[in-house]
Amino acid sequence: MSRMLERAAAEANAAAAGLQIFHDNIPDNDIDGCIQELLALAHCYTELDLEYPDYARISARLAQDVHISIRSLTFTLRHVRDMFGDTRSTKASGGRPYRRAWEELKVFFVNVEGDFGLLARLETYSIFVGNVVGSLRGDRVEPGEIVRDRERINSLLEKQEAQIRREASLEDRFAGFSFVEPPEWVPPPPHIRPPMQHLHGFPFPPPPPPPPLSTWSDGSDPFVMPTAPEPPRPWGSTSPTSPTLSSNSFQTWASASSGGPPVATTLSHWATRVFDGKHTKTAFRARGEPSICYGHPDPPTCVERLRADGFIEVLRLPLDATRVYARLYWRPSDHRARLLLTVKDSTAPALKYCIPLTALKLKRNGPNLHLFRYSTEEDELKIWAKLSFTQYEQLILFYCAFAAMKSQDWRKYPPILEDKIHKRERSEEIEEWAGEIKDDNYLHAVRIYRDKDSGGIRLEARARRGNFTLTPIWTAFITEDVDDAGWIKRISPKLVQLKNLTPYVFCHGYSPPRGKSGNFQLRFTTITDANGFMNMINNLAIS
């Protein structure tokens, strides 16, 4: 095992263990987030070393990116270790100064090394190295993400090295701390570090010989890159039989290799249009449990902190007669998503709870949605919050929006946190029918669901194949439409038209297919599926 990567993983795990002691004494969501990012980062370094030991041969750019991440992490964890040392002494009360040491570290990172806190750093390292590993696995990696995170790490590293130069005792204090082993990699001095270059995108070639190319190539590698095709649509590939919302091996990154300035765009997100009030309102018959959060409250300033970190509120839903508000926040730069719960109390100030969507698993329990966190210590899911709904449509829309934003978040999450609204046994919705449609050369699986409790009926489309078959593309509520004889019309053997349908879309840039009349259309791949769909709608109308 490479000593450089082995030590990097070991130091990340050791820092996570040290922060766990802090979290046990001063529960804090940021500390918990840092622990999770360190564990994820250690896993990435270990996987990189064990699964791809020859990664440095693929591309000089890729190898350099791994090295700068480790070098910057080295400087960052040095200060974390210093913080651990600050708690060796006790306060007058006999306790250890965990809170003071933690706050001082936060101030140092932001004020001295430039507005880049510990959690933000660790998130950037984790996503950056995760993309290295993901690209080697053949996963799709977003074009601008590598460039943006490389810029962040390079900028931070420059500030860290400048701070090191200001410390007269650099060599004595830092000796033995570095993860970097001179026989494997000696970083160039700061003043001669090569300037950052943009990526050139290309498909992943066959196995060696010759050695495979990487998305990280900067043009200096001794291999010739093929011309990069246009990047695919964000929710699919160009082949009708390829997965919608699929992950392609080493996606082309035309935008990352253009070298030109970024194009200004108007920020928009599909979640802002989900709760438009146009849907039907089908009440649950069962009464759910009250909404509650079992997590540790965040400081009252957490909303300001979200805004300062670049997050935008895209969805707000009142629950329990406005006693609880659920808000979803989105950061355009990397599609990170956060859930903010605000719980009001007539006898005390409102409490706020903020958490990344990628740290949660969503399950339905009747008219409630239960949110779980994974406990690494106990190796099991722990309930974090319960959200109570009175209407079928609101529960489904929130679930779909949550699951879609979570899957679109560039931060990866373990399989145990995958959201599955339909359980194999005792599912809350009955799948009445399923078929296949073709939408602009993309294959979607379309289903009809009927809710057991409320009787609500809806259509839903998902990816036909690939890694995102659990993520909805759109859903539409048809509870009141199925009784209308003029609502559905057969245009051709495989084409069905639905009048005045309102599909709710859960991905960017997608528009459901419509005919010349503006009405929604379903183009089935077989006549059998078209017949089956028509028959099921008729059965639901008379049931």
Foldseek 3Di string as FASTA:
>chain_A
DDLLLQVLLVLLQVLLVLLVVLCVVPPDQLSVLSSVLSNLLSVLSVCCCPVPVPLCLQAVLLVVLVVLLQVLVLLLVLLSVVLSVQQPDADPVRHTPSVVSVVVQQCCCPPQQHHQGSSNSSLLSSLQSVVSVCLVVQFADAQCSNVVSSVVSLSSVLSSVVVLVVDPCNCVSCPPSGSDDVVVDDQDPPVPHDDDAFWFAAAWDDPDDVHTHTSSHRPPRPDDGDHADDFADCQWHQAQPGWGNATGRRTGRCVRHVPDDDDDDDDDALLLCLPPVPADFFFFPDFDDAKDFPGDFHPPCVVVVCVVVQKDWRDWDAAPNNQKIWIWIAHVVQLWIKIWIWGHDPVDHITIDIDTLLQWAWEDDRQKIWIWGADPVVRGTDTGIITGDGTPSVVVSVVLQSLLSNVSGSDDHDPVRHYAQADPPPRQKDFLDWAWFADNSYIWIKTWIAGPGRRWIKIWIAIPDHDTRRHTQKMWTCSPPLQPPPQWDDPDLFKIWGPPIDIRGRDPPDDADDDPVRTGMTGGPDSVRVVVVVVSSNVSNVD
